[in-house]
C-alpha cells in the first residue's frame, strides 16, 4: 500500500519490513537475552513512531497557520459586513415592531369594544332585574295590605257580633254562630286566594329568572365565541407573517452567501425577482 502523504513514504516503506520481523513475534521475556531483544525491538519501533509524529507536526504546521489566517481574515471581513448590515437590520426591525404595535393596538381596541358591549348588556340585565324585583316587592306589599284589611274587617265583624250577642243573648246566639262561621269561611277563602296569588307571583318570578339566566348564558357564549374567533384570526395572521419572514430570511441568506457564485446565478436571479 502506498501512502498519499509523501513525507510518510519512508516510514511506509519500512513498515513492510517491520511487520515481517515483528508481527506475531513472541519474545522470551523470561530470559535476559529475550528481554533485551524485546526492548531493542520496542525501541526500534518507537523510533519510527516518534519520527512519524514529528513529521506529522512539521508538515501540518503550515496548514494550521493557513487555517488561522483564513479564519482571521473571514472574521475581519464579516465585522465590516455586519457594520453595514446592522443599521439596515435595525431599521427593518424598528418598522416591523411599529407595525406589530399598530396591530396590537387594533386588537386591544376591539377587545375594549367587546368588553364595553358586554358590560352594557350586563348593566341592562341588572337594571331589568332591579325593576322586576321592585314589581314583585310591590305585589307582595299589596298582598300584605289586602291580608291586613281582611283581618281588620273580620275583627270588626266579630266585635259587632259580640256586641249583638251581649245585647241579645239568646236571640242573637245563633246569629253570632252563623256570623262566626261565615267569617271563618270568608277568612279561609281569603287566605286561599292570597296563597294562590303568592304561588302565581312565585311562579312568574321563577320563570323570569330562568329567562334571564338563559339570556345571560347566551350572551356570554356569543361573546366567548367572538373572542376566541378573533384570537384564532390574530394567531393565524402572526403565523403567516412569521413564515413569510422566515422564507425571506432564508432567501436573503442564500443570496448573501452564494450570490457571487456563477453556478447559482439563475437561482439567485429568480430569488431577486421573488423578493421584488
C-alpha atoms as a PDB file:
ATOM      1  CA  UNK A   1       0.000   0.000   0.000  1.00  0.00           C
ATOM      2  CA  UNK A   2       1.316   3.439  -0.985  1.00  0.00           C
ATOM      3  CA  UNK A   3       0.636   6.414   1.315  1.00  0.00           C
ATOM      4  CA  UNK A   4      -0.917   9.587  -0.095  1.00  0.00           C
ATOM      5  CA  UNK A   5       1.365  11.679   2.151  1.00  0.00           C
ATOM      6  CA  UNK A   6       4.780  11.933   0.503  1.00  0.00           C
ATOM      7  CA  UNK A   7       6.507  12.774   3.786  1.00  0.00           C
ATOM      8  CA  UNK A   8       5.310   9.452   5.241  1.00  0.00           C
ATOM      9  CA  UNK A   9       6.741   7.331   2.388  1.00  0.00           C
ATOM     10  CA  UNK A  10       9.949   6.482   4.234  1.00  0.00           C
ATOM     11  CA  UNK A  11       8.093   5.128   7.263  1.00  0.00           C
ATOM     12  CA  UNK A  12       5.572   3.403   4.966  1.00  0.00           C
ATOM     13  CA  UNK A  13       8.435   1.683   3.130  1.00  0.00           C
ATOM     14  CA  UNK A  14       9.923   0.445   6.405  1.00  0.00           C
ATOM     15  CA  UNK A  15       6.537  -0.765   7.675  1.00  0.00           C
ATOM     16  CA  UNK A  16       6.518  -3.870   5.482  1.00  0.00           C
ATOM     17  CA  UNK A  17       9.919  -4.934   6.809  1.00  0.00           C
ATOM     18  CA  UNK A  18       8.918  -4.187  10.391  1.00  0.00           C
ATOM     19  CA  UNK A  19       5.706  -6.191  10.003  1.00  0.00           C
ATOM     20  CA  UNK A  20       7.613  -9.122   8.612  1.00  0.00           C
ATOM     21  CA  UNK A  21      10.039  -9.074  11.541  1.00  0.00           C
ATOM     22  CA  UNK A  22       7.774  -8.251  14.446  1.00  0.00           C
ATOM     23  CA  UNK A  23       4.138  -9.114  13.692  1.00  0.00           C
ATOM     24  CA  UNK A  24       3.006 -12.007  15.900  1.00  0.00           C
ATOM     25  CA  UNK A  25       6.509 -12.485  17.404  1.00  0.00           C
ATOM     26  CA  UNK A  26       6.560 -13.774  20.987  1.00  0.00           C
ATOM     27  CA  UNK A  27       9.733 -12.795  22.869  1.00  0.00           C
ATOM     28  CA  UNK A  28      11.193 -14.918  25.649  1.00  0.00           C
ATOM     29  CA  UNK A  29      10.992 -12.086  28.160  1.00  0.00           C
ATOM     30  CA  UNK A  30      11.515 -14.527  30.993  1.00  0.00           C
ATOM     31  CA  UNK A  31      15.175 -14.755  29.963  1.00  0.00           C
ATOM     32  CA  UNK A  32      17.737 -11.964  29.964  1.00  0.00           C
ATOM     33  CA  UNK A  33      18.516 -12.296  26.239  1.00  0.00           C
ATOM     34  CA  UNK A  34      14.829 -12.458  25.362  1.00  0.00           C
ATOM     35  CA  UNK A  35      14.044  -9.357  27.461  1.00  0.00           C
ATOM     36  CA  UNK A  36      16.926  -7.432  25.865  1.00  0.00           C
ATOM     37  CA  UNK A  37      15.754  -8.449  22.383  1.00  0.00           C
ATOM     38  CA  UNK A  38      12.181  -7.330  23.186  1.00  0.00           C
ATOM     39  CA  UNK A  39      13.408  -3.935  24.473  1.00  0.00           C
ATOM     40  CA  UNK A  40      15.627  -3.469  21.423  1.00  0.00           C
ATOM     41  CA  UNK A  41      12.702  -4.227  19.107  1.00  0.00           C
ATOM     42  CA  UNK A  42      10.398  -1.890  21.007  1.00  0.00           C
ATOM     43  CA  UNK A  43      12.980   0.894  20.837  1.00  0.00           C
ATOM     44  CA  UNK A  44      13.284   0.485  17.059  1.00  0.00           C
ATOM     45  CA  UNK A  45       9.522   0.636  16.564  1.00  0.00           C
ATOM     46  CA  UNK A  46       9.264   3.601  18.961  1.00  0.00           C
ATOM     47  CA  UNK A  47      11.899   5.486  16.960  1.00  0.00           C
ATOM     48  CA  UNK A  48       9.840   5.105  13.772  1.00  0.00           C
ATOM     49  CA  UNK A  49       6.689   6.164  15.642  1.00  0.00           C
ATOM     50  CA  UNK A  50       8.284   9.232  17.247  1.00  0.00           C
ATOM     51  CA  UNK A  51       9.829  10.278  13.908  1.00  0.00           C
ATOM     52  CA  UNK A  52       6.444   9.880  12.223  1.00  0.00           C
ATOM     53  CA  UNK A  53       4.769  12.083  14.855  1.00  0.00           C
ATOM     54  CA  UNK A  54       7.447  14.770  14.449  1.00  0.00           C
ATOM     55  CA  UNK A  55       7.000  14.657  10.673  1.00  0.00           C
ATOM     56  CA  UNK A  56       3.231  14.948  11.077  1.00  0.00           C
ATOM     57  CA  UNK A  57       3.580  18.070  13.196  1.00  0.00           C
ATOM     58  CA  UNK A  58       6.119  19.612  10.835  1.00  0.00           C
ATOM     59  CA  UNK A  59       4.016  19.170   7.689  1.00  0.00           C
ATOM     60  CA  UNK A  60       0.796  20.187   9.481  1.00  0.00           C
ATOM     61  CA  UNK A  61       2.147  23.465  10.898  1.00  0.00           C
ATOM     62  CA  UNK A  62       1.845  25.477   7.627  1.00  0.00           C
ATOM     63  CA  UNK A  63      -1.688  24.163   7.148  1.00  0.00           C
ATOM     64  CA  UNK A  64      -2.663  25.213  10.678  1.00  0.00           C
ATOM     65  CA  UNK A  65      -1.186  28.651  10.077  1.00  0.00           C
ATOM     66  CA  UNK A  66      -3.146  28.916   6.811  1.00  0.00           C
ATOM     67  CA  UNK A  67      -6.369  27.953   8.636  1.00  0.00           C
ATOM     68  CA  UNK A  68      -5.754  30.599  11.268  1.00  0.00           C
ATOM     69  CA  UNK A  69      -5.148  33.198   8.565  1.00  0.00           C
ATOM     70  CA  UNK A  70      -8.365  32.150   6.779  1.00  0.00           C
ATOM     71  CA  UNK A  71     -10.429  32.428   9.993  1.00  0.00           C
ATOM     72  CA  UNK A  72      -8.894  35.778  10.977  1.00  0.00           C
ATOM     73  CA  UNK A  73      -9.473  37.341   7.553  1.00  0.00           C
ATOM     74  CA  UNK A  74     -13.031  35.992   7.403  1.00  0.00           C
ATOM     75  CA  UNK A  75     -13.752  37.447  10.842  1.00  0.00           C
ATOM     76  CA  UNK A  76     -12.382  40.848   9.780  1.00  0.00           C
ATOM     77  CA  UNK A  77     -14.488  40.937   6.604  1.00  0.00           C
ATOM     78  CA  UNK A  78     -17.554  39.692   8.495  1.00  0.00           C
ATOM     79  CA  UNK A  79     -17.164  42.529  11.007  1.00  0.00           C
ATOM     80  CA  UNK A  80     -17.137  45.069   8.172  1.00  0.00           C
ATOM     81  CA  UNK A  81     -20.178  43.448   6.532  1.00  0.00           C
ATOM     82  CA  UNK A  82     -22.065  43.446   9.836  1.00  0.00           C
ATOM     83  CA  UNK A  83     -21.228  47.143  10.291  1.00  0.00           C
ATOM     84  CA  UNK A  84     -23.060  47.771   7.005  1.00  0.00           C
ATOM     85  CA  UNK A  85     -25.851  45.253   7.638  1.00  0.00           C
ATOM     86  CA  UNK A  86     -26.743  46.060  11.280  1.00  0.00           C
ATOM     87  CA  UNK A  87     -28.068  49.634  10.695  1.00  0.00           C
ATOM     88  CA  UNK A  88     -30.325  48.331   7.898  1.00  0.00           C
ATOM     89  CA  UNK A  89     -31.452  45.441  10.075  1.00  0.00           C
ATOM     90  CA  UNK A  90     -32.229  47.889  12.888  1.00  0.00           C
ATOM     91  CA  UNK A  91     -34.403  49.976  10.521  1.00  0.00           C
ATOM     92  CA  UNK A  92     -36.278  46.879   9.348  1.00  0.00           C
ATOM     93  CA  UNK A  93     -36.843  45.600  12.869  1.00  0.00           C
ATOM     94  CA  UNK A  94     -37.979  49.045  14.053  1.00  0.00           C
ATOM     95  CA  UNK A  95     -40.587  49.211  11.262  1.00  0.00           C
ATOM     96  CA  UNK A  96     -41.717  45.635  11.957  1.00  0.00           C
ATOM     97  CA  UNK A  97     -42.047  46.482  15.646  1.00  0.00           C
ATOM     98  CA  UNK A  98     -44.086  49.596  14.785  1.00  0.00           C
ATOM     99  CA  UNK A  99     -46.436  47.579  12.557  1.00  0.00           C
ATOM    100  CA  UNK A 100     -46.837  44.927  15.239  1.00  0.00           C
ATOM    101  CA  UNK A 101     -47.692  47.612  17.779  1.00  0.00           C
ATOM    102  CA  UNK A 102     -50.337  49.016  15.412  1.00  0.00           C
ATOM    103  CA  UNK A 103     -51.881  45.554  15.043  1.00  0.00           C
ATOM    104  CA  UNK A 104     -51.829  45.059  18.798  1.00  0.00           C
ATOM    105  CA  UNK A 105     -53.487  48.462  19.288  1.00  0.00           C
ATOM    106  CA  UNK A 106     -56.295  47.485  16.889  1.00  0.00           C
ATOM    107  CA  UNK A 107     -56.734  44.174  18.716  1.00  0.00           C
ATOM    108  CA  UNK A 108     -56.830  45.939  22.088  1.00  0.00           C
ATOM    109  CA  UNK A 109     -59.394  48.452  20.803  1.00  0.00           C
ATOM    110  CA  UNK A 110     -61.601  45.620  19.511  1.00  0.00           C
ATOM    111  CA  UNK A 111     -61.295  43.814  22.811  1.00  0.00           C
ATOM    112  CA  UNK A 112     -62.258  47.002  24.676  1.00  0.00           C
ATOM    113  CA  UNK A 113     -65.297  47.416  22.377  1.00  0.00           C
ATOM    114  CA  UNK A 114     -66.446  43.852  23.020  1.00  0.00           C
ATOM    115  CA  UNK A 115     -65.978  44.274  26.773  1.00  0.00           C
ATOM    116  CA  UNK A 116     -67.939  47.564  26.671  1.00  0.00           C
ATOM    117  CA  UNK A 117     -70.793  45.852  24.841  1.00  0.00           C
ATOM    118  CA  UNK A 118     -70.760  43.007  27.343  1.00  0.00           C
ATOM    119  CA  UNK A 119     -70.801  45.488  30.241  1.00  0.00           C
ATOM    120  CA  UNK A 120     -73.708  47.376  28.658  1.00  0.00           C
ATOM    121  CA  UNK A 121     -75.654  44.122  28.306  1.00  0.00           C
ATOM    122  CA  UNK A 122     -74.855  43.228  31.894  1.00  0.00           C
ATOM    123  CA  UNK A 123     -75.937  46.677  33.153  1.00  0.00           C
ATOM    124  CA  UNK A 124     -79.192  46.473  31.171  1.00  0.00           C
ATOM    125  CA  UNK A 125     -79.857  42.998  32.544  1.00  0.00           C
ATOM    126  CA  UNK A 126     -79.195  44.135  36.109  1.00  0.00           C
ATOM    127  CA  UNK A 127     -81.494  47.164  35.633  1.00  0.00           C
ATOM    128  CA  UNK A 128     -84.251  44.913  34.358  1.00  0.00           C
ATOM    129  CA  UNK A 129     -83.800  42.544  37.289  1.00  0.00           C
ATOM    130  CA  UNK A 130     -83.979  45.504  39.718  1.00  0.00           C
ATOM    131  CA  UNK A 131     -87.250  46.643  38.107  1.00  0.00           C
ATOM    132  CA  UNK A 132     -88.666  43.130  38.274  1.00  0.00           C
ATOM    133  CA  UNK A 133     -87.677  42.770  41.926  1.00  0.00           C
ATOM    134  CA  UNK A 134     -89.335  46.132  42.672  1.00  0.00           C
ATOM    135  CA  UNK A 135     -92.544  44.976  40.950  1.00  0.00           C
ATOM    136  CA  UNK A 136     -92.519  41.726  42.915  1.00  0.00           C
ATOM    137  CA  UNK A 137     -91.994  43.670  46.144  1.00  0.00           C
ATOM    138  CA  UNK A 138     -94.898  45.960  45.202  1.00  0.00           C
ATOM    139  CA  UNK A 139     -97.184  42.991  44.597  1.00  0.00           C
ATOM    140  CA  UNK A 140     -96.140  41.398  47.868  1.00  0.00           C
ATOM    141  CA  UNK A 141     -96.855  44.648  49.712  1.00  0.00           C
ATOM    142  CA  UNK A 142    -100.305  44.771  48.109  1.00  0.00           C
ATOM    143  CA  UNK A 143    -100.953  41.205  49.242  1.00  0.00           C
ATOM    144  CA  UNK A 144     -99.911  42.054  52.806  1.00  0.00           C
ATOM    145  CA  UNK A 145    -102.161  45.128  52.779  1.00  0.00           C
ATOM    146  CA  UNK A 146    -105.066  43.049  51.494  1.00  0.00           C
ATOM    147  CA  UNK A 147    -104.470  40.461  54.211  1.00  0.00           C
ATOM    148  CA  UNK A 148    -104.357  43.168  56.868  1.00  0.00           C
ATOM    149  CA  UNK A 149    -107.553  44.798  55.577  1.00  0.00           C
ATOM    150  CA  UNK A 150    -109.315  41.458  55.508  1.00  0.00           C
ATOM    151  CA  UNK A 151    -108.164  40.692  59.043  1.00  0.00           C
ATOM    152  CA  UNK A 152    -109.289  44.095  60.285  1.00  0.00           C
ATOM    153  CA  UNK A 153    -112.676  43.638  58.625  1.00  0.00           C
ATOM    154  CA  UNK A 154    -113.080  40.212  60.223  1.00  0.00           C
ATOM    155  CA  UNK A 155    -112.155  41.611  63.614  1.00  0.00           C
ATOM    156  CA  UNK A 156    -114.711  44.433  63.204  1.00  0.00           C
ATOM    157  CA  UNK A 157    -117.395  41.931  62.247  1.00  0.00           C
ATOM    158  CA  UNK A 158    -116.511  39.838  65.256  1.00  0.00           C
ATOM    159  CA  UNK A 159    -116.709  42.823  67.615  1.00  0.00           C
ATOM    160  CA  UNK A 160    -120.088  43.768  66.199  1.00  0.00           C
ATOM    161  CA  UNK A 161    -121.284  40.198  66.590  1.00  0.00           C
ATOM    162  CA  UNK A 162    -120.118  40.082  70.202  1.00  0.00           C
ATOM    163  CA  UNK A 163    -121.955  43.336  70.972  1.00  0.00           C
ATOM    164  CA  UNK A 164    -125.109  41.978  69.429  1.00  0.00           C
ATOM    165  CA  UNK A 165    -124.747  38.761  71.441  1.00  0.00           C
ATOM    166  CA  UNK A 166    -124.303  40.730  74.675  1.00  0.00           C
ATOM    167  CA  UNK A 167    -127.430  42.804  73.905  1.00  0.00           C
ATOM    168  CA  UNK A 168    -129.476  39.897  72.633  1.00  0.00           C
ATOM    169  CA  UNK A 169    -128.047  36.876  74.402  1.00  0.00           C
ATOM    170  CA  UNK A 170    -130.493  34.229  73.461  1.00  0.00           C
ATOM    171  CA  UNK A 171    -131.856  35.648  70.248  1.00  0.00           C
ATOM    172  CA  UNK A 172    -128.535  36.571  68.773  1.00  0.00           C
ATOM    173  CA  UNK A 173    -126.567  33.380  69.736  1.00  0.00           C
ATOM    174  CA  UNK A 174    -127.499  31.640  66.524  1.00  0.00           C
ATOM    175  CA  UNK A 175    -126.788  34.794  64.571  1.00  0.00           C
ATOM    176  CA  UNK A 176    -123.406  35.095  66.235  1.00  0.00           C
ATOM    177  CA  UNK A 177    -122.515  31.495  65.491  1.00  0.00           C
ATOM    178  CA  UNK A 178    -123.609  31.967  61.899  1.00  0.00           C
ATOM    179  CA  UNK A 179    -121.572  35.133  61.693  1.00  0.00           C
ATOM    180  CA  UNK A 180    -118.566  33.324  63.149  1.00  0.00           C
ATOM    181  CA  UNK A 181    -118.931  30.526  60.638  1.00  0.00           C
ATOM    182  CA  UNK A 182    -119.350  32.975  57.775  1.00  0.00           C
ATOM    183  CA  UNK A 183    -116.313  34.906  58.981  1.00  0.00           C
ATOM    184  CA  UNK A 184    -114.273  31.726  59.187  1.00  0.00           C
ATOM    185  CA  UNK A 185    -115.278  30.703  55.703  1.00  0.00           C
ATOM    186  CA  UNK A 186    -114.501  34.188  54.438  1.00  0.00           C
ATOM    187  CA  UNK A 187    -111.100  34.118  56.124  1.00  0.00           C
ATOM    188  CA  UNK A 188    -110.315  30.726  54.720  1.00  0.00           C
ATOM    189  CA  UNK A 189    -111.443  31.823  51.284  1.00  0.00           C
ATOM    190  CA  UNK A 190    -109.340  34.983  51.557  1.00  0.00           C
ATOM    191  CA  UNK A 191    -106.333  33.035  52.754  1.00  0.00           C
ATOM    192  CA  UNK A 192    -106.749  30.569  49.903  1.00  0.00           C
ATOM    193  CA  UNK A 193    -106.979  33.485  47.478  1.00  0.00           C
ATOM    194  CA  UNK A 194    -103.851  35.105  48.924  1.00  0.00           C
ATOM    195  CA  UNK A 195    -101.978  31.821  48.808  1.00  0.00           C
ATOM    196  CA  UNK A 196    -102.963  31.313  45.162  1.00  0.00           C
ATOM    197  CA  UNK A 197    -101.768  34.835  44.377  1.00  0.00           C
ATOM    198  CA  UNK A 198     -98.444  34.211  46.150  1.00  0.00           C
ATOM    199  CA  UNK A 199     -97.991  30.965  44.253  1.00  0.00           C
ATOM    200  CA  UNK A 200     -98.693  32.748  40.960  1.00  0.00           C
ATOM    201  CA  UNK A 201     -96.206  35.516  41.757  1.00  0.00           C
ATOM    202  CA  UNK A 202     -93.548  32.985  42.769  1.00  0.00           C
ATOM    203  CA  UNK A 203     -94.066  31.015  39.544  1.00  0.00           C
ATOM    204  CA  UNK A 204     -93.784  34.190  37.457  1.00  0.00           C
ATOM    205  CA  UNK A 205     -90.647  35.206  39.323  1.00  0.00           C
ATOM    206  CA  UNK A 206     -89.025  31.811  38.735  1.00  0.00           C
ATOM    207  CA  UNK A 207     -89.958  31.956  35.049  1.00  0.00           C
ATOM    208  CA  UNK A 208     -88.446  35.450  34.737  1.00  0.00           C
ATOM    209  CA  UNK A 209     -85.246  34.347  36.493  1.00  0.00           C
ATOM    210  CA  UNK A 210     -84.949  31.326  34.173  1.00  0.00           C
ATOM    211  CA  UNK A 211     -85.334  33.520  31.069  1.00  0.00           C
ATOM    212  CA  UNK A 212     -82.719  35.936  32.441  1.00  0.00           C
ATOM    213  CA  UNK A 213     -80.301  33.108  33.160  1.00  0.00           C
ATOM    214  CA  UNK A 214     -80.654  31.698  29.636  1.00  0.00           C
ATOM    215  CA  UNK A 215     -80.161  35.151  28.117  1.00  0.00           C
ATOM    216  CA  UNK A 216     -77.005  35.688  30.202  1.00  0.00           C
ATOM    217  CA  UNK A 217     -75.591  32.325  29.163  1.00  0.00           C
ATOM    218  CA  UNK A 218     -76.406  33.056  25.524  1.00  0.00           C
ATOM    219  CA  UNK A 219     -74.705  36.488  25.678  1.00  0.00           C
ATOM    220  CA  UNK A 220     -71.645  35.032  27.395  1.00  0.00           C
ATOM    221  CA  UNK A 221     -71.397  32.192  24.844  1.00  0.00           C
ATOM    222  CA  UNK A 222     -71.647  34.658  21.923  1.00  0.00           C
ATOM    223  CA  UNK A 223     -69.004  36.950  23.441  1.00  0.00           C
ATOM    224  CA  UNK A 224     -66.712  33.997  24.175  1.00  0.00           C
ATOM    225  CA  UNK A 225     -67.093  32.636  20.636  1.00  0.00           C
ATOM    226  CA  UNK A 226     -66.369  36.070  19.131  1.00  0.00           C
ATOM    227  CA  UNK A 227     -63.314  36.493  21.348  1.00  0.00           C
ATOM    228  CA  UNK A 228     -61.960  33.031  20.504  1.00  0.00           C
ATOM    229  CA  UNK A 229     -62.549  33.592  16.779  1.00  0.00           C
ATOM    230  CA  UNK A 230     -60.665  36.901  16.897  1.00  0.00           C
ATOM    231  CA  UNK A 231     -57.780  35.343  18.832  1.00  0.00           C
ATOM    232  CA  UNK A 232     -57.559  32.479  16.315  1.00  0.00           C
ATOM    233  CA  UNK A 233     -57.581  35.001  13.466  1.00  0.00           C
ATOM    234  CA  UNK A 234     -54.763  37.015  15.032  1.00  0.00           C
ATOM    235  CA  UNK A 235     -52.702  33.862  15.668  1.00  0.00           C
ATOM    236  CA  UNK A 236     -53.096  32.813  12.043  1.00  0.00           C
ATOM    237  CA  UNK A 237     -52.015  36.283  10.843  1.00  0.00           C
ATOM    238  CA  UNK A 238     -48.924  36.192  13.057  1.00  0.00           C
ATOM    239  CA  UNK A 239     -48.088  32.660  11.914  1.00  0.00           C
ATOM    240  CA  UNK A 240     -48.320  33.618   8.223  1.00  0.00           C
ATOM    241  CA  UNK A 241     -46.200  36.708   8.794  1.00  0.00           C
ATOM    242  CA  UNK A 242     -43.587  34.645  10.650  1.00  0.00           C
ATOM    243  CA  UNK A 243     -43.481  32.153   7.759  1.00  0.00           C
ATOM    244  CA  UNK A 244     -43.003  34.977   5.248  1.00  0.00           C
ATOM    245  CA  UNK A 245     -40.228  36.485   7.374  1.00  0.00           C
ATOM    246  CA  UNK A 246     -38.504  33.107   7.741  1.00  0.00           C
ATOM    247  CA  UNK A 247     -38.741  32.490   3.983  1.00  0.00           C
ATOM    248  CA  UNK A 248     -37.408  35.972   3.178  1.00  0.00           C
ATOM    249  CA  UNK A 249     -34.569  35.497   5.666  1.00  0.00           C
ATOM    250  CA  UNK A 250     -33.582  32.190   4.065  1.00  0.00           C
ATOM    251  CA  UNK A 251     -33.653  33.745   0.561  1.00  0.00           C
ATOM    252  CA  UNK A 252     -31.593  36.739   1.723  1.00  0.00           C
ATOM    253  CA  UNK A 253     -29.089  34.433   3.411  1.00  0.00           C
ATOM    254  CA  UNK A 254     -28.775  32.340   0.219  1.00  0.00           C
ATOM    255  CA  UNK A 255     -28.125  35.478  -1.880  1.00  0.00           C
ATOM    256  CA  UNK A 256     -25.640  36.775   0.708  1.00  0.00           C
ATOM    257  CA  UNK A 257     -23.651  33.541   0.849  1.00  0.00           C
ATOM    258  CA  UNK A 258     -23.900  32.209  -2.722  1.00  0.00           C
ATOM    259  CA  UNK A 259     -24.939  35.192  -4.859  1.00  0.00           C
ATOM    260  CA  UNK A 260     -21.381  35.632  -6.208  1.00  0.00           C
ATOM    261  CA  UNK A 261     -21.155  32.023  -7.423  1.00  0.00           C
ATOM    262  CA  UNK A 262     -21.787  31.773 -11.156  1.00  0.00           C
ATOM    263  CA  UNK A 263     -23.225  28.290 -10.838  1.00  0.00           C
ATOM    264  CA  UNK A 264     -26.152  29.673  -8.803  1.00  0.00           C
ATOM    265  CA  UNK A 265     -26.724  32.822 -10.909  1.00  0.00           C
ATOM    266  CA  UNK A 266     -30.040  31.545 -12.327  1.00  0.00           C
ATOM    267  CA  UNK A 267     -31.323  30.615  -8.866  1.00  0.00           C
ATOM    268  CA  UNK A 268     -30.228  33.954  -7.412  1.00  0.00           C
ATOM    269  CA  UNK A 269     -31.897  35.905 -10.229  1.00  0.00           C
ATOM    270  CA  UNK A 270     -35.124  34.034  -9.610  1.00  0.00           C
ATOM    271  CA  UNK A 271     -34.880  34.803  -5.865  1.00  0.00           C
ATOM    272  CA  UNK A 272     -34.369  38.507  -6.600  1.00  0.00           C
ATOM    273  CA  UNK A 273     -37.465  38.557  -8.794  1.00  0.00           C
ATOM    274  CA  UNK A 274     -39.495  36.956  -5.995  1.00  0.00           C
ATOM    275  CA  UNK A 275     -38.159  39.448  -3.440  1.00  0.00           C
ATOM    276  CA  UNK A 276     -39.272  42.493  -5.511  1.00  0.00           C
END
